[in-house]
């Protein structure tokens, strides 16, 4: 019976340590904005490429879209 009790106590302590380490790691990653760097920045670049056809910042890429360029006709009138 004492072996089962010892195993239970060890499992509870192990789960506590795992939860403590997990929450500490999450706090450090949030403070360093790890998730924003990994998921946010590449998505912003990709969405700019999808929307404007030009990779980069959305505020700058909008002006580079081909539809915003002034068009000049190359045909000459007779």
Protein backbone atom coordinates (compact mmCIF):
# COMPACT_ATOMS: atom_id res chain seq x y z
CA UNK A 1 0.00 0.00 0.00
CA UNK A 2 2.85 2.45 0.71
CA UNK A 3 4.32 1.92 -2.77
CA UNK A 4 1.04 3.02 -4.34
CA UNK A 5 0.97 6.07 -2.08
CA UNK A 6 4.54 6.94 -2.94
CA UNK A 7 3.79 6.60 -6.67
CA UNK A 8 0.77 8.87 -6.28
CA UNK A 9 2.80 11.52 -4.45
CA UNK A 10 5.58 11.33 -7.06
CA UNK A 11 3.05 11.72 -9.90
CA UNK A 12 1.42 14.71 -8.22
CA UNK A 13 4.81 16.36 -7.64
CA UNK A 14 5.90 15.60 -11.21
CA UNK A 15 2.70 17.13 -12.62
CA UNK A 16 3.25 20.20 -10.44
CA UNK A 17 6.79 20.64 -11.72
CA UNK A 18 5.67 20.20 -15.33
CA UNK A 19 2.89 22.78 -14.91
CA UNK A 20 5.28 25.21 -13.21
CA UNK A 21 7.88 24.89 -15.97
CA UNK A 22 5.20 25.15 -18.67
CA UNK A 23 3.68 28.35 -17.27
CA UNK A 24 7.14 29.87 -16.79
CA UNK A 25 8.09 29.09 -20.38
CA UNK A 26 4.82 30.56 -21.69
CA UNK A 27 5.37 33.77 -19.71
CA UNK A 28 8.90 34.15 -21.08
CA UNK A 29 7.71 33.53 -24.63
CA UNK A 30 4.90 36.06 -24.26
CA UNK A 31 7.22 38.68 -22.79
CA UNK A 32 9.65 38.25 -25.69
CA UNK A 33 6.73 38.28 -28.18
CA UNK A 34 7.92 34.97 -29.59
CA UNK A 35 4.51 33.97 -30.92
CA UNK A 36 4.06 37.32 -32.69
CA UNK A 37 7.45 36.95 -34.38
CA UNK A 38 6.81 33.36 -35.44
CA UNK A 39 3.18 33.61 -36.53
CA UNK A 40 2.37 37.31 -36.97
CA UNK A 41 5.19 38.72 -39.07
CA UNK A 42 5.25 35.97 -41.72
CA UNK A 43 1.46 36.15 -42.03
CA UNK A 44 1.56 39.93 -42.48
CA UNK A 45 4.08 39.53 -45.29
CA UNK A 46 2.07 36.72 -46.87
CA UNK A 47 -1.24 38.60 -46.66
CA UNK A 48 0.41 41.64 -48.25
CA UNK A 49 1.65 39.43 -51.06
CA UNK A 50 -1.81 37.92 -51.52
CA UNK A 51 -3.59 41.28 -51.51
CA UNK A 52 -1.15 43.49 -53.41
CA UNK A 53 1.16 41.08 -55.21
CA UNK A 54 4.15 42.65 -53.48
CA UNK A 55 5.72 41.23 -50.30
CA UNK A 56 6.33 43.65 -47.47
CA UNK A 57 4.48 45.98 -45.17
CA UNK A 58 0.81 46.54 -46.06
CA UNK A 59 1.10 50.33 -45.75
CA UNK A 60 3.96 50.46 -48.25
CA UNK A 61 2.85 47.64 -50.56
CA UNK A 62 -0.50 49.22 -51.40
CA UNK A 63 1.22 51.91 -53.43
CA UNK A 64 3.20 49.31 -55.37
CA UNK A 65 0.16 47.39 -56.60
CA UNK A 66 -0.07 47.42 -60.41
CA UNK A 67 -3.64 48.78 -60.31
CA UNK A 68 -2.44 51.99 -58.64
CA UNK A 69 0.11 52.80 -61.34
CA UNK A 70 -0.78 55.36 -63.95
CA UNK A 71 -1.22 53.69 -67.30
CA UNK A 72 0.03 55.07 -70.57
CA UNK A 73 -1.15 53.82 -73.91
CA UNK A 74 1.50 52.75 -76.34
CA UNK A 75 -0.83 52.87 -79.32
CA UNK A 76 -0.49 55.81 -81.64
CA UNK A 77 -3.37 57.47 -83.37
CA UNK A 78 -3.28 57.76 -87.11
